[in-house]
Amino acid sequence: MLNYRKIEAWDLLIDEVVSYCENYGIDGIHLDNGQAWPQIMEPDLDELSRLDVDGQPAYSAEDLMNGEMVIRNENYGYWNSNNMETYPNPFFIKMCKKLWSRDPNFMIIGECWGGFMFEHRQIILARSGIIPRLYKLPIAISSLFGKKLHRNGKVESMQKDNVVAIKKWYDETRRFLPDGSILLQSSTAHCLPYPAYLYGKGTWAAIDILFFMPDIPITYNGEIDGDVFKVGQLQTVFQHEQIEIQGSSNPTELKRSNSMIMRAL
């Protein structure tokens, strides 16, 4: 991956976005895992401080400063500083200014999953000019049906919660947001179950919650056509099964099979 300690990496990514927008008339982008941009990994100080057999440093002072050797820890750089509580994300500010100087109406959406050590990052995204796309609504609604939904799509049984769970979710989502912030609330995601599978007869009530609250609703592409396979008792796996269209002149042309629920033996 790119080394986002270097300004050249920032410029490269932003210039590629600008190039795509100019060449293809794009008026918005979606940042996957936007809650972690820029992903600056923790430097591997033990390795960067290592001496060769001749007693000379294996890496230069510039290598150390640029963090050329890292360990897997994304909560570093801006995301590990006290400044993120006060200042917006400088990478997002640079990106937004560059894109908005060309198109003031350009839309930038960033995924924001939350979770351990990622709490309230929608505040930072909104403060930095990014429209947060949130995924906690399905988790809150599932608790009303006695289902505990995990980020990886795993579904477990739990005691049914009451409707106060929706109020807690809403208050937690809106807390400390800048005035005028726009939020996108997702009905599901690529790794989560489809609403009809999670809520059963309560699906339309769940859809009402999605569409009647002040935030902007967003559904997942192909949500209605998906295949659902239940494997075992606890873990749920979601998969799209595609089959070739008979008589098609294009061998790569595929259609999605009918939705189904199957239980592995």
Protein backbone atom coordinates (compact mmCIF):
# COMPACT_ATOMS: atom_id res chain seq x y z
CA MET A 1 0.00 0.00 0.00
CA LEU A 2 1.02 3.61 -0.38
CA ASN A 3 3.07 5.28 2.33
CA TYR A 4 0.79 8.11 3.43
CA ARG A 5 3.53 9.70 5.50
CA LYS A 6 4.70 11.18 2.20
CA ILE A 7 2.92 14.13 0.60
CA GLU A 8 3.64 12.50 -2.78
CA ALA A 9 1.23 9.68 -1.86
CA TRP A 10 -1.50 12.18 -0.96
CA ASP A 11 -1.01 14.05 -4.24
CA LEU A 12 -0.98 10.82 -6.27
CA LEU A 13 -4.31 9.62 -4.88
CA ILE A 14 -6.03 12.99 -5.18
CA ASP A 15 -4.69 13.57 -8.72
CA GLU A 16 -6.03 10.16 -9.79
CA VAL A 17 -9.48 11.08 -8.47
CA VAL A 18 -9.34 14.39 -10.34
CA SER A 19 -8.25 12.60 -13.51
CA TYR A 20 -11.15 10.12 -13.35
CA CYS A 21 -13.61 12.94 -12.73
CA GLU A 22 -12.38 14.94 -15.70
CA ASN A 23 -12.22 11.96 -18.09
CA TYR A 24 -15.51 10.27 -17.18
CA GLY A 25 -17.71 13.06 -15.84
CA ILE A 26 -17.85 11.67 -12.29
CA ASP A 27 -19.58 13.95 -9.79
CA GLY A 28 -18.94 11.98 -6.59
CA ILE A 29 -16.83 9.23 -5.01
CA HIS A 30 -17.30 6.59 -2.29
CA LEU A 31 -14.37 5.96 0.06
CA ASP A 32 -14.31 2.34 1.22
CA ASN A 33 -13.38 2.19 4.92
CA GLY A 34 -13.31 5.98 4.92
CA GLN A 35 -13.09 5.98 8.72
CA ALA A 36 -9.39 4.97 8.48
CA TRP A 37 -8.08 7.31 5.73
CA PRO A 38 -5.21 7.99 5.45
CA GLN A 39 -3.99 4.58 6.61
CA ILE A 40 -0.68 5.40 8.23
CA MET A 41 0.76 2.30 9.86
CA GLU A 42 2.81 2.27 13.04
CA PRO A 43 6.57 2.20 12.28
CA ASP A 44 8.46 -0.95 13.20
CA LEU A 45 11.04 0.77 15.39
CA ASP A 46 12.80 -2.47 16.31
CA GLU A 47 13.47 -3.23 12.64
CA LEU A 48 14.26 0.36 11.68
CA SER A 49 16.79 0.58 14.54
CA ARG A 50 18.49 -2.70 13.62
CA LEU A 51 22.26 -2.75 13.06
CA ASP A 52 23.92 -4.78 10.33
CA VAL A 53 26.72 -7.23 11.10
CA ASP A 54 29.28 -4.47 10.54
CA GLY A 55 27.68 -2.38 13.27
CA GLN A 56 26.21 0.17 10.86
CA PRO A 57 22.49 1.05 10.88
CA ALA A 58 20.49 -1.06 8.44
CA TYR A 59 18.22 1.90 7.65
CA SER A 60 18.86 5.58 7.17
CA ALA A 61 17.42 8.42 9.23
CA GLU A 62 15.14 9.21 6.27
CA ASP A 63 13.83 5.62 6.28
CA LEU A 64 13.05 6.01 9.97
CA MET A 65 11.30 9.34 9.45
CA ASN A 66 9.22 7.95 6.55
CA GLY A 67 8.37 4.75 8.40
CA GLU A 68 9.57 2.52 5.55
CA MET A 69 9.02 -0.60 7.71
CA VAL A 70 5.73 -0.84 9.56
CA ILE A 71 3.60 -3.16 11.68
CA ARG A 72 -0.12 -3.77 11.24
CA ASN A 73 -1.67 -1.00 13.33
CA GLU A 74 -3.87 1.49 11.49
CA ASN A 75 -4.62 3.59 14.58
CA TYR A 76 -1.56 5.70 14.10
CA GLY A 77 -0.62 9.10 12.72
CA TYR A 78 -3.60 11.45 12.84
CA TRP A 79 -5.81 8.70 14.28
CA ASN A 80 -3.47 8.31 17.27
CA SER A 81 -3.11 11.98 18.10
CA ASN A 82 -4.93 14.33 20.43
CA ASN A 83 -5.44 16.65 17.45
CA MET A 84 -8.23 14.53 16.02
CA GLU A 85 -10.44 15.68 18.90
CA THR A 86 -9.94 19.31 17.84
CA TYR A 87 -8.90 19.52 14.19
CA PRO A 88 -10.41 17.97 11.05
CA ASN A 89 -8.53 15.31 9.11
CA PRO A 90 -5.84 17.14 7.07
CA PHE A 91 -5.91 14.53 4.29
CA PHE A 92 -9.66 14.97 3.79
CA ILE A 93 -9.33 18.75 3.92
CA LYS A 94 -6.71 18.66 1.16
CA MET A 95 -8.86 16.30 -0.95
CA CYS A 96 -12.06 18.29 -0.50
CA LYS A 97 -10.44 21.62 -1.31
CA LYS A 98 -8.88 20.22 -4.48
CA LEU A 99 -12.11 18.59 -5.70
CA TRP A 100 -14.43 21.42 -4.69
CA SER A 101 -12.22 23.99 -6.43
CA ARG A 102 -13.11 22.18 -9.68
CA ASP A 103 -16.71 21.29 -8.83
CA PRO A 104 -18.34 22.92 -5.77
CA ASN A 105 -21.13 20.30 -5.87
CA PHE A 106 -18.80 17.29 -5.89
CA MET A 107 -19.97 14.67 -3.36
CA ILE A 108 -17.56 12.66 -1.20
CA ILE A 109 -19.04 9.75 0.80
CA GLY A 110 -16.99 7.80 3.33
CA GLU A 111 -17.80 4.45 4.94
CA CYS A 112 -17.95 4.67 8.71
CA TRP A 113 -18.42 1.35 10.49
CA GLY A 114 -17.51 2.39 14.01
CA GLY A 115 -16.46 -0.35 16.40
CA PHE A 116 -13.64 -0.70 18.93
CA MET A 117 -11.17 2.21 18.65
CA PHE A 118 -13.27 3.63 15.78
CA GLU A 119 -16.00 5.15 17.93
CA HIS A 120 -17.61 8.42 16.79
CA ARG A 121 -15.49 8.75 13.67
CA GLN A 122 -18.54 10.04 11.83
CA ILE A 123 -17.93 13.27 13.74
CA ILE A 124 -14.43 13.63 12.27
CA LEU A 125 -15.59 12.72 8.76
CA ALA A 126 -18.43 15.26 8.88
CA ARG A 127 -16.10 17.90 10.29
CA SER A 128 -13.64 17.22 7.45
CA GLY A 129 -16.14 17.62 4.60
CA ILE A 130 -16.97 13.92 4.09
CA ILE A 131 -20.55 12.60 4.15
CA PRO A 132 -20.47 9.62 6.57
CA ARG A 133 -22.19 6.41 5.49
CA LEU A 134 -23.21 4.53 8.63
CA TYR A 135 -24.13 0.88 9.19
CA LYS A 136 -25.33 0.69 12.79
CA LEU A 137 -29.05 0.96 12.06
CA PRO A 138 -29.40 -2.74 11.03
CA ILE A 139 -27.60 -3.70 14.25
CA ALA A 140 -30.00 -1.61 16.36
CA ILE A 141 -33.12 -2.91 14.58
CA SER A 142 -31.94 -6.54 14.76
CA SER A 143 -31.80 -6.30 18.54
CA LEU A 144 -35.58 -5.70 18.55
CA PHE A 145 -36.03 -9.11 16.90
CA GLY A 146 -33.71 -10.93 19.31
CA LYS A 147 -30.79 -11.07 16.90
CA LYS A 148 -27.27 -9.83 17.57
CA LEU A 149 -25.72 -8.73 14.28
CA HIS A 150 -21.93 -8.49 14.02
CA ARG A 151 -19.96 -6.46 11.48
CA ASN A 152 -18.78 -9.59 9.69
CA GLY A 153 -22.36 -10.76 9.07
CA LYS A 154 -22.47 -13.23 11.95
CA VAL A 155 -25.93 -13.50 13.56
CA GLU A 156 -26.49 -14.74 17.10
CA SER A 157 -29.60 -15.09 19.23
CA MET A 158 -30.07 -12.64 22.09
CA GLN A 159 -32.81 -11.39 24.37
CA LYS A 160 -35.17 -9.06 22.52
CA ASP A 161 -34.48 -5.40 23.16
CA ASN A 162 -37.20 -2.74 23.35
CA VAL A 163 -37.72 0.28 21.12
CA VAL A 164 -35.51 2.38 23.38
CA ALA A 165 -32.63 0.78 21.44
CA ILE A 166 -33.60 2.89 18.43
CA LYS A 167 -33.55 6.09 20.50
CA LYS A 168 -30.14 5.17 21.94
CA TRP A 169 -28.83 4.49 18.44
CA TYR A 170 -30.17 7.80 17.12
CA ASP A 171 -28.83 9.89 20.02
CA GLU A 172 -25.42 8.20 19.80
CA THR A 173 -25.22 8.80 16.04
CA ARG A 174 -26.10 12.49 16.19
CA ARG A 175 -24.05 13.41 19.26
CA PHE A 176 -21.47 16.19 18.73
CA LEU A 177 -22.03 16.39 14.97
CA PRO A 178 -21.40 19.80 13.35
CA ASP A 179 -24.51 21.83 12.54
CA GLY A 180 -25.94 20.98 9.13
CA SER A 181 -24.23 17.61 8.90
CA ILE A 182 -25.58 15.11 6.36
CA LEU A 183 -25.62 11.40 7.23
CA LEU A 184 -26.33 8.36 5.08
CA GLN A 185 -27.97 5.43 6.87
CA SER A 186 -27.53 2.04 5.20
CA SER A 187 -30.17 -0.69 5.24
CA THR A 188 -27.44 -3.32 4.84
CA ALA A 189 -23.95 -3.80 3.37
CA HIS A 190 -21.95 -6.26 1.31
CA CYS A 191 -21.13 -8.38 4.37
CA LEU A 192 -24.46 -8.06 6.22
CA PRO A 193 -27.74 -10.01 5.77
CA TYR A 194 -30.52 -8.54 3.69
CA PRO A 195 -33.38 -6.91 5.66
CA ALA A 196 -36.00 -9.51 4.67
CA TYR A 197 -33.84 -12.26 6.15
CA LEU A 198 -33.14 -10.38 9.38
CA TYR A 199 -36.57 -8.95 10.16
CA GLY A 200 -39.06 -11.33 8.53
CA LYS A 201 -42.58 -9.89 8.86
CA GLY A 202 -41.10 -6.78 10.46
CA THR A 203 -39.22 -5.81 7.28
CA TRP A 204 -41.63 -3.06 6.22
CA ALA A 205 -41.58 -1.53 9.69
CA ALA A 206 -37.77 -1.49 9.49
CA ILE A 207 -37.94 0.17 6.07
CA ASP A 208 -40.27 2.79 7.53
CA ILE A 209 -37.63 3.60 10.15
CA LEU A 210 -35.02 3.94 7.40
CA PHE A 211 -37.09 6.29 5.24
CA PHE A 212 -38.92 8.41 7.82
CA MET A 213 -35.99 9.62 9.88
CA PRO A 214 -34.15 12.86 9.02
CA ASP A 215 -31.04 11.18 7.56
CA ILE A 216 -30.70 10.04 3.94
CA PRO A 217 -31.50 6.32 3.39
CA ILE A 218 -29.22 4.21 1.22
CA THR A 219 -29.83 0.62 0.11
CA TYR A 220 -27.28 -1.90 -1.09
CA ASN A 221 -26.97 -2.67 -4.81
CA GLY A 222 -28.76 -5.95 -5.61
CA GLU A 223 -30.26 -6.15 -2.15
CA ILE A 224 -33.51 -7.68 -3.41
CA ASP A 225 -31.86 -10.36 -5.56
CA GLY A 226 -29.35 -11.81 -3.12
CA ASP A 227 -28.86 -15.46 -2.16
CA VAL A 228 -28.67 -16.32 1.51
CA PHE A 229 -27.03 -19.49 2.79
CA LYS A 230 -27.20 -20.36 6.47
CA VAL A 231 -24.24 -22.49 7.54
CA GLY A 232 -24.35 -24.08 10.98
CA GLN A 233 -26.17 -22.62 13.96
CA LEU A 234 -24.36 -19.36 14.63
CA GLN A 235 -22.49 -18.05 11.63
CA THR A 236 -24.28 -16.82 8.53
CA VAL A 237 -22.60 -16.66 5.12
CA PHE A 238 -23.96 -14.54 2.27
CA GLN A 239 -23.11 -15.40 -1.30
CA HIS A 240 -24.24 -14.45 -4.80
CA GLU A 241 -24.52 -17.44 -7.11
CA GLN A 242 -24.43 -16.60 -10.81
CA ILE A 243 -25.29 -18.80 -13.78
CA GLU A 244 -24.71 -18.37 -17.50
CA ILE A 245 -27.59 -17.15 -19.65
CA GLN A 246 -28.50 -19.85 -22.14
CA GLY A 247 -28.20 -18.83 -25.79
CA SER A 248 -26.34 -15.65 -24.99
CA SER A 249 -23.80 -14.47 -27.56
CA ASN A 250 -21.70 -13.10 -24.76
CA PRO A 251 -20.25 -15.96 -22.67
CA THR A 252 -19.46 -13.56 -19.84
CA GLU A 253 -23.06 -12.39 -19.56
CA LEU A 254 -24.46 -13.70 -16.28
CA LYS A 255 -27.69 -13.44 -14.39
CA ARG A 256 -28.24 -13.82 -10.67
CA SER A 257 -30.16 -16.86 -9.49
CA ASN A 258 -33.31 -16.68 -7.37
CA SER A 259 -33.08 -15.83 -3.71
CA MET A 260 -33.08 -18.78 -1.35
CA ILE A 261 -32.38 -19.75 2.23
CA MET A 262 -30.52 -23.04 2.69
CA ARG A 263 -29.22 -24.78 5.73
CA ALA A 264 -26.04 -26.77 5.53
CA LEU A 265 -26.22 -30.40 6.66
